[in-house]
Amino acid sequence: MNLLKALSTISGMTLLSRVLAFVRDILIARIFGAGMATDAFFVAFKLPNMLRRLFAEGAFSQAFVPIFSEYKNRRGNDETKLMLDHVTTLLALILFVVTLIGIIAAPILVYISAPGFVATPDKFKLTVQLLQISFPYIFFISLVSVAAGILNTYNKFWVPAFTPVLMNICFIAAALWLAPYCNPPILALAIAVFVAGVVQLLFQIPFLKKIGMMPRFSINFKDEGVRRILKQMGPAIFGVSVSQISLLINTIFASFMIAGSVSWLYYADRLMEFPSGLLGVALGTILLPSLSKLHSNGDTAEYSKMLDWGLRLLFMLALPAALALGLIAVPLLATFFQHGAFGVNDVQMTRNALVGYSVGLIGILSVKVLAPAFYARQNIRTPVKVAIVTLLVTQALNLIFFLFVESLQHAGLALSISLGACLNSGMLYYLLRKYQIYQPQPGWFEFFTKLFVALILLGLTLWFGMGTEQSWLARTGWTRIIHLSWLIAAGIAVYFATLWVLGFRLRDFSKRGVG
């Protein structure tokens, strides 16, 4: 299987999901506005969504995929299938109990996560109702993550990559057609969350059956594979929690700043999700199964080459993305968000946050490549230790910027995340070299020299092509869209044409996965 083709497939599906997410957000804003009902829904959806990131897509995936890959490569189909049955059964039972507790304890959970709602009984009651409807999502989406890990291990990358698209479709359908039949209408969005979990799971079942890995109910708590996965999940949950804690602390800092700071960081982060999902998450998704198989086979030389391929591809695509986000932040933000109540000042303030994020984009994305190099070796503790150091440094920088560099305001929070991410990736890279897990292949100096030339020409194209920032703030919708479209197209053409002239060829980045 060609990993470059798999990467483009995952990135394409992720792009589709991101575009639909924008459509979803626009519809929710237009139909439901911003008030008590939407506040209640966003708080209600935050908890199961956080549990999804913490447990299903984070800790479980990191612990499950390497061990499942090892079984597939070393122990044969029957033993692999039996281990999968035991793991899935145990997980389903735990999730069922957690779901019941979540539904019953919804009032307590809302009180903890949004204590301010208690002063408005109707708002508190609505939030509890929405949480009870949407909480079973964690049950279904966790099983979806199991299916995704299986399918990725069998190189069926496009199925898990497409699955999130279904959730955005459910949201859009509920907002357009279900909301008028609900009282209050916001209940439609909670129902959409529940339905999306079911639909995503049902979508993956035929593909699991096709490869003969459809889990069946079978209890064996003493299964070796089950015990190993549970043992790995402990530090994995802690590691993922570190990033969630960092985001929470950043929100606390932002809450003490001028009004709008939280929103400006949110909108800047929305644009950062495009390169993060299209490249970082996609690369990590395809690398983890292949690296796990190479580690299982004891092929250290190819393991190192696989990492080298991932890093070169990352730098070639992430550096121009970071440069573009920093240079044309105002054109991007004005085109996407400067409508209605989102005014000129909001664009400028969000631009400051986006520039701060762009500084560390390469670090943020590098972690997506370097951390799987440890996960594939079933070493989760090392990335966790690095994450803890990163958390401490990031929050120390937040405190310094907050107390002593007031001019940065909310942009200081974005910059601290960027600098922390660069530290994180730098430490992971150092440890991979120290333990001789990764040995760079020849040609890196020449590679960076050519990239530098292409980046200079890209920067000049974007700088002179965009005109003044003030002109973007004064334009209307379609003139912005047309100008931004040809500006981005011109930048892409100049960058890749330069690389082609300098000797880069697509076949040079083609890489076969491990079957």
Protein backbone atom coordinates (compact mmCIF):
# COMPACT_ATOMS: atom_id res chain seq x y z
CA MET A 1 0.00 0.00 0.00
CA ASN A 2 1.30 3.46 -0.95
CA LEU A 3 1.43 5.60 2.21
CA LEU A 4 1.50 8.85 0.22
CA LYS A 5 -1.76 7.83 -1.44
CA ALA A 6 -3.19 6.89 1.97
CA LEU A 7 -2.13 10.29 3.34
CA SER A 8 -3.86 12.13 0.51
CA THR A 9 -7.01 10.03 1.06
CA ILE A 10 -7.15 10.78 4.79
CA SER A 11 -6.38 14.46 4.19
CA GLY A 12 -9.12 14.69 1.58
CA MET A 13 -11.68 13.14 3.91
CA THR A 14 -10.54 15.40 6.74
CA LEU A 15 -10.88 18.45 4.49
CA LEU A 16 -14.43 17.41 3.65
CA SER A 17 -15.20 17.02 7.34
CA ARG A 18 -13.70 20.43 8.18
CA VAL A 19 -15.68 22.14 5.41
CA LEU A 20 -18.91 20.53 6.62
CA ALA A 21 -18.02 21.59 10.17
CA PHE A 22 -17.87 25.20 8.97
CA VAL A 23 -21.27 24.78 7.33
CA ARG A 24 -22.57 23.24 10.57
CA ASP A 25 -21.32 26.16 12.67
CA ILE A 26 -22.81 28.71 10.27
CA LEU A 27 -26.20 26.97 10.36
CA ILE A 28 -26.23 26.64 14.14
CA ALA A 29 -25.38 30.34 14.49
CA ARG A 30 -28.05 31.35 11.98
CA ILE A 31 -30.85 29.08 13.24
CA PHE A 32 -30.26 29.07 17.00
CA GLY A 33 -28.29 32.30 17.45
CA ALA A 34 -26.25 32.81 20.60
CA GLY A 35 -28.16 32.66 23.86
CA MET A 36 -29.38 30.46 26.67
CA ALA A 37 -30.20 27.48 24.43
CA THR A 38 -26.87 27.36 22.60
CA ASP A 39 -24.96 27.93 25.85
CA ALA A 40 -26.79 24.94 27.31
CA PHE A 41 -26.04 22.74 24.30
CA PHE A 42 -22.34 23.60 24.06
CA VAL A 43 -21.86 22.84 27.75
CA ALA A 44 -23.85 19.60 27.43
CA PHE A 45 -21.87 18.46 24.39
CA LYS A 46 -18.52 19.46 25.87
CA LEU A 47 -18.40 16.62 28.40
CA PRO A 48 -18.99 13.59 26.10
CA ASN A 49 -16.80 15.27 23.48
CA MET A 50 -13.99 15.69 26.01
CA LEU A 51 -14.34 12.06 27.10
CA ARG A 52 -14.13 11.05 23.42
CA ARG A 53 -10.83 12.88 22.97
CA LEU A 54 -9.47 11.75 26.32
CA PHE A 55 -10.49 8.11 26.28
CA ALA A 56 -11.57 6.84 22.87
CA GLU A 57 -9.42 8.67 20.33
CA GLY A 58 -6.53 9.26 22.72
CA ALA A 59 -5.63 6.71 25.37
CA PHE A 60 -7.34 3.66 23.90
CA SER A 61 -6.00 4.19 20.38
CA GLN A 62 -2.43 4.66 21.61
CA ALA A 63 -2.59 1.50 23.72
CA PHE A 64 -4.65 -0.71 21.41
CA VAL A 65 -3.17 -0.28 17.91
CA PRO A 66 0.47 -1.36 18.66
CA ILE A 67 -0.63 -4.46 20.59
CA PHE A 68 -3.31 -5.38 18.07
CA SER A 69 -0.72 -4.99 15.29
CA GLU A 70 1.69 -7.23 17.18
CA TYR A 71 -0.97 -9.94 17.50
CA LYS A 72 -1.84 -9.66 13.81
CA ASN A 73 1.79 -10.07 12.75
CA ARG A 74 2.97 -12.69 15.22
CA ARG A 75 0.05 -14.73 16.55
CA GLY A 76 -2.19 -15.43 13.61
CA ASN A 77 -5.75 -14.56 12.77
CA ASP A 78 -7.54 -16.79 15.33
CA GLU A 79 -5.62 -15.56 18.38
CA THR A 80 -5.89 -11.96 17.18
CA LYS A 81 -9.64 -12.25 16.73
CA LEU A 82 -10.05 -13.84 20.19
CA MET A 83 -8.07 -11.03 21.85
CA LEU A 84 -10.17 -8.48 19.96
CA ASP A 85 -13.40 -10.12 21.18
CA HIS A 86 -12.23 -9.99 24.80
CA VAL A 87 -11.03 -6.37 24.59
CA THR A 88 -14.17 -5.13 22.86
CA THR A 89 -16.48 -6.94 25.27
CA LEU A 90 -14.73 -5.51 28.33
CA LEU A 91 -14.69 -2.05 26.80
CA ALA A 92 -18.40 -2.22 25.91
CA LEU A 93 -19.32 -3.28 29.45
CA ILE A 94 -17.29 -0.46 30.98
CA LEU A 95 -18.77 2.06 28.55
CA PHE A 96 -22.30 0.88 29.28
CA VAL A 97 -21.80 1.45 33.01
CA VAL A 98 -20.16 4.84 32.42
CA THR A 99 -23.06 5.86 30.17
CA LEU A 100 -25.66 4.92 32.77
CA ILE A 101 -23.77 6.81 35.46
CA GLY A 102 -23.44 9.83 33.18
CA ILE A 103 -27.18 9.93 32.45
CA ILE A 104 -28.16 9.52 36.11
CA ALA A 105 -25.55 11.95 37.40
CA ALA A 106 -26.20 14.57 34.68
CA PRO A 107 -27.35 17.25 37.20
CA ILE A 108 -24.14 16.82 39.19
CA LEU A 109 -21.98 16.91 36.05
CA VAL A 110 -23.65 20.11 34.85
CA TYR A 111 -23.24 21.66 38.30
CA ILE A 112 -19.50 20.90 38.22
CA SER A 113 -18.87 21.97 34.61
CA ALA A 114 -21.14 25.05 34.59
CA PRO A 115 -21.89 26.14 38.17
CA GLY A 116 -23.04 29.56 36.93
CA PHE A 117 -26.11 27.93 35.34
CA VAL A 118 -27.56 27.14 38.77
CA ALA A 119 -28.64 30.78 39.11
CA THR A 120 -30.91 30.28 36.07
CA PRO A 121 -33.06 27.19 36.80
CA ASP A 122 -34.50 26.92 33.27
CA LYS A 123 -31.02 27.03 31.75
CA PHE A 124 -29.70 24.44 34.22
CA LYS A 125 -32.67 22.12 33.57
CA LEU A 126 -32.27 22.41 29.78
CA THR A 127 -28.54 21.64 30.00
CA VAL A 128 -29.24 18.53 32.07
CA GLN A 129 -31.83 17.36 29.54
CA LEU A 130 -29.45 17.92 26.62
CA LEU A 131 -26.63 16.10 28.42
CA GLN A 132 -28.84 13.08 29.16
CA ILE A 133 -29.78 12.81 25.48
CA SER A 134 -26.26 13.23 24.14
CA PHE A 135 -24.24 11.32 26.77
CA PRO A 136 -24.69 7.85 25.15
CA TYR A 137 -22.55 9.26 22.32
CA ILE A 138 -19.47 8.29 24.36
CA PHE A 139 -20.56 4.62 24.24
CA PHE A 140 -20.92 4.50 20.46
CA ILE A 141 -17.95 6.72 19.55
CA SER A 142 -15.58 4.68 21.73
CA LEU A 143 -16.58 1.54 19.84
CA VAL A 144 -16.10 3.53 16.63
CA SER A 145 -12.51 4.18 17.78
CA VAL A 146 -11.97 0.45 18.26
CA ALA A 147 -13.22 -0.16 14.72
CA ALA A 148 -10.99 2.64 13.42
CA GLY A 149 -7.92 1.11 15.06
CA ILE A 150 -8.70 -2.27 13.49
CA LEU A 151 -9.34 -0.84 10.02
CA ASN A 152 -6.22 1.35 10.11
CA THR A 153 -4.14 -1.69 11.05
CA TYR A 154 -5.55 -3.43 7.96
CA ASN A 155 -4.73 -0.33 5.85
CA LYS A 156 -8.41 0.60 5.36
CA PHE A 157 -7.61 4.22 6.16
CA TRP A 158 -10.36 5.89 4.18
CA VAL A 159 -13.20 4.36 6.22
CA PRO A 160 -12.23 5.87 9.63
CA ALA A 161 -11.21 9.10 7.86
CA PHE A 162 -14.66 9.45 6.28
CA THR A 163 -16.62 8.51 9.41
CA PRO A 164 -16.49 11.99 11.10
CA VAL A 165 -18.17 13.43 8.00
CA LEU A 166 -21.34 11.58 9.05
CA MET A 167 -21.52 13.49 12.32
CA ASN A 168 -21.49 16.86 10.57
CA ILE A 169 -24.17 15.61 8.18
CA CYS A 170 -26.31 14.60 11.17
CA PHE A 171 -25.89 18.06 12.72
CA ILE A 172 -26.79 19.82 9.47
CA ALA A 173 -29.85 17.61 8.90
CA ALA A 174 -31.05 18.11 12.47
CA ALA A 175 -30.64 21.88 12.32
CA LEU A 176 -32.48 22.17 8.99
CA TRP A 177 -35.27 19.61 9.29
CA LEU A 178 -35.62 18.29 12.85
CA ALA A 179 -35.40 21.52 14.87
CA PRO A 180 -38.89 22.82 13.85
CA TYR A 181 -40.47 19.66 15.35
CA CYS A 182 -38.65 19.88 18.69
CA ASN A 183 -39.64 21.90 21.73
CA PRO A 184 -37.36 23.62 22.40
CA PRO A 185 -35.67 23.42 18.96
CA ILE A 186 -32.19 23.03 20.48
CA LEU A 187 -33.14 19.44 21.44
CA ALA A 188 -32.57 18.58 17.77
CA LEU A 189 -28.82 19.07 18.19
CA ALA A 190 -28.64 16.73 21.20
CA ILE A 191 -30.58 14.12 19.22
CA ALA A 192 -28.12 14.65 16.35
CA VAL A 193 -25.22 13.82 18.69
CA PHE A 194 -26.88 10.55 19.75
CA VAL A 195 -27.79 9.57 16.18
CA ALA A 196 -24.31 10.48 14.91
CA GLY A 197 -22.73 8.01 17.33
CA VAL A 198 -25.01 5.21 16.14
CA VAL A 199 -24.60 6.04 12.45
CA GLN A 200 -20.80 6.18 12.64
CA LEU A 201 -20.66 2.77 14.30
CA LEU A 202 -23.10 1.17 11.86
CA PHE A 203 -21.13 2.58 8.92
CA GLN A 204 -17.96 0.73 9.93
CA ILE A 205 -19.56 -2.66 10.67
CA PRO A 206 -19.68 -3.93 7.03
CA PHE A 207 -15.98 -3.18 6.60
CA LEU A 208 -15.11 -5.05 9.81
CA LYS A 209 -17.07 -8.06 8.56
CA LYS A 210 -15.27 -7.90 5.22
CA ILE A 211 -11.85 -8.33 6.84
CA GLY A 212 -13.18 -10.93 9.30
CA MET A 213 -12.66 -8.77 12.38
CA MET A 214 -16.22 -8.08 13.52
CA PRO A 215 -16.01 -8.36 17.36
CA ARG A 216 -18.26 -10.80 19.20
CA PHE A 217 -19.33 -10.89 22.85
CA SER A 218 -16.77 -12.94 24.78
CA ILE A 219 -15.67 -12.32 28.37
CA ASN A 220 -12.17 -13.17 29.59
CA PHE A 221 -10.74 -10.63 32.00
CA LYS A 222 -7.50 -12.65 32.30
CA ASP A 223 -6.64 -12.43 28.59
CA GLU A 224 -2.99 -11.42 28.19
CA GLY A 225 -3.77 -8.86 25.49
CA VAL A 226 -6.53 -7.27 27.58
CA ARG A 227 -4.23 -6.90 30.56
CA ARG A 228 -1.45 -5.39 28.43
CA ILE A 229 -3.80 -2.86 26.82
CA LEU A 230 -5.24 -1.84 30.20
CA LYS A 231 -1.73 -1.46 31.58
CA GLN A 232 -0.77 0.84 28.68
CA MET A 233 -3.97 2.86 28.95
CA GLY A 234 -3.10 4.15 32.44
CA PRO A 235 -0.20 6.38 31.38
CA ALA A 236 -1.93 7.08 28.06
CA ILE A 237 -4.98 8.57 29.81
CA PHE A 238 -2.67 10.63 32.00
CA GLY A 239 -0.76 11.84 28.95
CA VAL A 240 -3.88 12.91 27.07
CA SER A 241 -5.18 14.56 30.26
CA VAL A 242 -2.10 16.78 30.30
CA SER A 243 -3.10 18.47 27.04
CA GLN A 244 -6.70 18.88 28.24
CA ILE A 245 -5.46 20.45 31.49
CA SER A 246 -3.29 22.82 29.48
CA LEU A 247 -6.29 23.93 27.40
CA LEU A 248 -8.35 24.43 30.57
CA ILE A 249 -5.66 26.57 32.21
CA ASN A 250 -5.32 28.63 29.03
CA THR A 251 -9.06 29.29 29.13
CA ILE A 252 -8.74 30.42 32.75
CA PHE A 253 -5.97 32.87 31.80
CA ALA A 254 -8.04 34.15 28.87
CA SER A 255 -11.06 34.70 31.13
CA PHE A 256 -9.09 37.35 33.04
CA MET A 257 -8.28 39.25 29.86
CA ILE A 258 -10.40 41.71 27.91
CA ALA A 259 -13.78 40.52 26.67
CA GLY A 260 -13.50 38.52 23.46
CA SER A 261 -10.15 36.90 24.26
CA VAL A 262 -11.60 33.39 24.54
CA SER A 263 -13.47 33.81 21.24
CA TRP A 264 -10.44 35.20 19.38
CA LEU A 265 -8.38 32.20 20.46
CA TYR A 266 -11.22 29.87 19.44
CA TYR A 267 -11.52 31.28 15.92
CA ALA A 268 -7.74 31.24 15.42
CA ASP A 269 -7.70 27.62 16.55
CA ARG A 270 -10.42 26.80 13.99
CA LEU A 271 -8.05 27.78 11.18
CA MET A 272 -5.18 25.91 12.82
CA GLU A 273 -7.29 22.74 12.71
CA PHE A 274 -7.03 22.62 8.94
CA PRO A 275 -3.27 21.87 8.67
CA SER A 276 -3.39 19.98 11.96
CA GLY A 277 -6.07 17.58 10.74
CA LEU A 278 -5.11 17.45 7.08
CA LEU A 279 -1.44 16.76 7.78
CA GLY A 280 -0.57 16.10 11.43
CA VAL A 281 -3.42 13.78 12.36
CA ALA A 282 -3.33 12.09 8.95
CA LEU A 283 0.41 11.37 9.18
CA GLY A 284 0.09 10.05 12.72
CA THR A 285 -2.80 7.81 11.64
CA ILE A 286 -0.89 6.10 8.84
CA LEU A 287 2.46 5.96 10.66
CA LEU A 288 1.33 4.26 13.88
CA PRO A 289 0.16 0.95 12.30
CA SER A 290 3.20 0.74 9.98
CA LEU A 291 5.68 1.58 12.75
CA SER A 292 3.97 -0.95 15.03
CA LYS A 293 4.37 -3.66 12.39
CA LEU A 294 8.04 -2.79 11.80
CA HIS A 295 8.73 -2.87 15.53
CA SER A 296 6.93 -6.21 15.78
CA ASN A 297 9.11 -7.54 12.96
CA GLY A 298 12.29 -6.16 14.56
CA ASP A 299 13.15 -4.13 11.44
CA THR A 300 14.96 -1.19 13.09
CA ALA A 301 16.51 0.12 9.87
CA GLU A 302 13.17 0.42 8.05
CA TYR A 303 11.62 1.82 11.24
CA SER A 304 14.11 4.70 11.11
CA LYS A 305 13.54 5.22 7.38
CA MET A 306 9.78 5.35 7.91
CA LEU A 307 10.22 8.11 10.49
CA ASP A 308 12.59 9.96 8.19
CA TRP A 309 10.01 9.84 5.39
CA GLY A 310 7.32 11.15 7.69
CA LEU A 311 9.47 14.05 8.91
CA ARG A 312 10.51 15.12 5.41
CA LEU A 313 6.94 15.07 4.18
CA LEU A 314 5.87 16.99 7.28
CA PHE A 315 8.45 19.76 6.78
CA MET A 316 7.70 20.05 3.07
CA LEU A 317 3.98 20.61 3.72
CA ALA A 318 3.88 22.18 7.22
CA LEU A 319 6.41 24.98 6.69
CA PRO A 320 4.48 26.62 3.82
CA ALA A 321 1.24 26.23 5.81
CA ALA A 322 2.79 28.00 8.81
CA LEU A 323 4.17 30.78 6.60
CA ALA A 324 0.81 31.25 4.87
CA LEU A 325 -1.16 31.37 8.14
CA GLY A 326 1.16 34.05 9.47
CA LEU A 327 1.31 36.17 6.31
CA ILE A 328 -2.28 36.10 5.10
CA ALA A 329 -3.99 35.82 8.48
CA VAL A 330 -6.13 38.90 7.84
CA PRO A 331 -7.31 37.79 4.36
CA LEU A 332 -8.23 34.37 5.76
CA LEU A 333 -10.05 35.69 8.83
CA ALA A 334 -11.82 38.50 6.98
CA THR A 335 -13.08 36.07 4.32
CA PHE A 336 -14.27 33.37 6.70
CA PHE A 337 -15.48 35.27 9.75
CA GLN A 338 -15.94 39.02 9.19
CA HIS A 339 -19.73 38.97 9.00
CA GLY A 340 -22.43 40.44 11.22
CA ALA A 341 -21.23 40.95 14.78
CA PHE A 342 -17.69 39.79 13.98
CA GLY A 343 -16.11 43.13 13.17
CA VAL A 344 -12.79 44.65 12.13
CA ASN A 345 -11.38 44.64 15.67
CA ASP A 346 -12.26 40.95 16.01
CA VAL A 347 -10.36 40.16 12.82
CA GLN A 348 -7.29 42.05 14.00
CA MET A 349 -7.33 40.49 17.45
CA THR A 350 -7.85 36.99 16.05
CA ARG A 351 -4.99 37.68 13.60
CA ASN A 352 -2.65 38.24 16.56
CA ALA A 353 -3.63 34.86 18.01
CA LEU A 354 -3.27 33.11 14.65
CA VAL A 355 0.22 34.52 14.12
CA GLY A 356 1.14 33.27 17.60
CA TYR A 357 -0.13 29.80 16.74
CA SER A 358 1.61 29.77 13.34
CA VAL A 359 5.01 30.24 15.02
CA GLY A 360 4.74 26.77 16.52
CA LEU A 361 2.78 24.95 13.83
CA ILE A 362 5.80 22.88 12.84
CA GLY A 363 6.26 21.87 16.50
CA ILE A 364 2.59 21.06 16.95
CA LEU A 365 2.58 18.85 13.86
CA SER A 366 5.99 17.27 14.53
CA VAL A 367 4.63 15.80 17.76
CA LYS A 368 2.04 13.94 15.63
CA VAL A 369 4.94 12.15 13.87
CA LEU A 370 7.45 11.77 16.71
CA ALA A 371 5.09 10.58 19.47
CA PRO A 372 3.81 7.57 17.44
CA ALA A 373 7.45 6.45 17.21
CA PHE A 374 7.23 5.77 20.95
CA TYR A 375 3.63 4.49 20.96
CA ALA A 376 4.50 1.94 18.25
CA ARG A 377 7.17 0.52 20.58
CA GLN A 378 4.53 0.31 23.32
CA ASN A 379 6.37 3.05 25.20
CA ILE A 380 3.76 5.54 26.32
CA ARG A 381 5.52 6.72 29.47
CA THR A 382 8.24 8.68 27.65
CA PRO A 383 5.85 10.93 25.68
CA VAL A 384 3.84 11.40 28.90
CA LYS A 385 6.90 12.60 30.81
CA VAL A 386 7.75 14.98 27.96
CA ALA A 387 4.14 16.22 27.94
CA ILE A 388 4.30 17.00 31.66
CA VAL A 389 7.48 19.05 31.19
CA THR A 390 5.83 20.82 28.25
CA LEU A 391 2.76 21.62 30.37
CA LEU A 392 4.88 23.18 33.12
CA VAL A 393 6.93 25.24 30.67
CA THR A 394 3.85 26.36 28.72
CA GLN A 395 2.06 27.57 31.83
CA ALA A 396 5.22 29.27 33.11
CA LEU A 397 5.37 31.17 29.80
CA ASN A 398 1.66 32.00 30.14
CA LEU A 399 2.31 33.47 33.56
CA ILE A 400 5.32 35.47 32.33
CA PHE A 401 3.45 36.84 29.30
CA PHE A 402 0.36 37.57 31.42
CA LEU A 403 2.25 39.45 34.16
CA PHE A 404 5.15 41.09 32.33
CA VAL A 405 4.30 41.34 28.62
CA GLU A 406 0.79 42.78 28.74
CA SER A 407 1.04 44.03 25.14
CA LEU A 408 0.76 40.43 23.89
CA GLN A 409 -2.61 39.95 25.63
CA HIS A 410 -4.36 36.77 24.40
CA ALA A 411 -1.75 36.28 21.65
CA GLY A 412 0.71 35.44 24.43
CA LEU A 413 -1.38 32.36 25.25
CA ALA A 414 -1.18 31.22 21.62
CA LEU A 415 2.56 31.92 21.54
CA SER A 416 3.17 29.94 24.73
CA ILE A 417 1.38 26.93 23.22
CA SER A 418 3.55 27.25 20.12
CA LEU A 419 6.81 27.49 22.06
CA GLY A 420 5.72 24.59 24.28
CA ALA A 421 4.95 22.47 21.23
CA CYS A 422 8.40 23.21 19.79
CA LEU A 423 9.95 22.15 23.11
CA ASN A 424 7.82 18.99 23.10
CA SER A 425 8.88 17.98 19.59
CA GLY A 426 12.50 18.92 20.29
CA MET A 427 12.64 16.69 23.38
CA LEU A 428 10.98 13.78 21.56
CA TYR A 429 13.45 14.15 18.68
CA TYR A 430 16.40 14.27 21.12
CA LEU A 431 15.25 11.09 22.89
CA LEU A 432 14.69 9.24 19.61
CA ARG A 433 18.25 10.08 18.60
CA LYS A 434 19.65 9.36 22.06
CA TYR A 435 18.19 5.84 22.12
CA GLN A 436 19.16 5.33 18.45
CA ILE A 437 15.56 4.72 17.46
CA TYR A 438 15.87 7.26 14.66
CA GLN A 439 18.89 7.89 12.44
CA PRO A 440 18.43 10.70 9.87
CA GLN A 441 18.98 9.62 6.27
CA PRO A 442 21.50 11.52 4.11
CA GLY A 443 20.52 14.70 2.29
CA TRP A 444 18.81 16.79 4.97
CA PHE A 445 20.97 19.90 4.39
CA GLU A 446 20.23 19.92 0.66
CA PHE A 447 16.55 19.24 1.45
CA PHE A 448 16.26 22.25 3.76
CA THR A 449 18.18 24.49 1.35
CA LYS A 450 15.69 23.80 -1.43
CA LEU A 451 12.75 24.27 0.93
CA PHE A 452 14.19 27.64 2.02
CA VAL A 453 14.32 28.89 -1.57
CA ALA A 454 10.73 27.74 -2.23
CA LEU A 455 9.51 29.35 1.01
CA ILE A 456 11.11 32.69 0.11
CA LEU A 457 9.34 32.74 -3.25
CA LEU A 458 6.08 31.64 -1.61
CA GLY A 459 6.35 34.44 0.93
CA LEU A 460 7.00 37.07 -1.74
CA THR A 461 4.04 35.82 -3.79
CA LEU A 462 1.65 36.00 -0.83
CA TRP A 463 2.98 39.34 0.43
CA PHE A 464 2.70 41.21 -2.85
CA GLY A 465 -0.38 39.31 -4.02
CA MET A 466 -2.58 40.09 -1.03
CA GLY A 467 -2.19 43.88 -1.08
CA THR A 468 -2.90 45.82 2.11
CA GLU A 469 -4.66 44.32 5.10
CA GLN A 470 -6.96 47.34 5.24
CA SER A 471 -8.30 46.55 1.77
CA TRP A 472 -9.44 43.12 2.99
CA LEU A 473 -11.26 44.62 5.94
CA ALA A 474 -13.20 46.98 3.66
CA ARG A 475 -14.25 44.47 0.99
CA THR A 476 -17.48 42.51 0.64
CA GLY A 477 -17.89 38.71 0.61
CA TRP A 478 -17.44 37.66 -3.01
CA THR A 479 -14.51 39.97 -3.78
CA ARG A 480 -12.70 38.50 -0.77
CA ILE A 481 -13.47 34.93 -1.81
CA ILE A 482 -12.25 35.43 -5.39
CA HIS A 483 -9.07 37.23 -4.35
CA LEU A 484 -8.28 34.70 -1.61
CA SER A 485 -8.87 31.79 -3.98
CA TRP A 486 -6.43 32.97 -6.64
CA LEU A 487 -3.93 34.12 -3.98
CA ILE A 488 -3.81 30.66 -2.42
CA ALA A 489 -3.72 28.98 -5.84
CA ALA A 490 -0.83 31.22 -6.90
CA GLY A 491 1.07 30.50 -3.70
CA ILE A 492 0.65 26.74 -4.09
CA ALA A 493 1.70 26.90 -7.76
CA VAL A 494 4.83 28.98 -7.03
CA TYR A 495 5.91 26.81 -4.10
CA PHE A 496 5.57 23.43 -5.78
CA ALA A 497 6.84 24.69 -9.15
CA THR A 498 9.99 25.91 -7.37
CA LEU A 499 10.45 22.54 -5.69
CA TRP A 500 9.98 20.81 -9.05
CA VAL A 501 12.60 23.02 -10.71
CA LEU A 502 14.96 22.26 -7.81
CA GLY A 503 14.57 18.52 -8.40
CA PHE A 504 11.69 17.43 -6.15
CA ARG A 505 9.52 14.71 -7.69
CA LEU A 506 6.36 13.12 -6.33
CA ARG A 507 7.85 9.64 -6.71
CA ASP A 508 10.63 10.62 -4.31
CA PHE A 509 8.06 10.78 -1.50
CA SER A 510 6.25 7.59 -2.40
CA LYS A 511 6.48 5.06 0.42
CA ARG A 512 5.14 1.55 0.74
CA GLY A 513 3.38 0.60 3.95
CA VAL A 514 4.00 -2.63 5.80
CA GLY A 515 1.40 -5.28 5.00
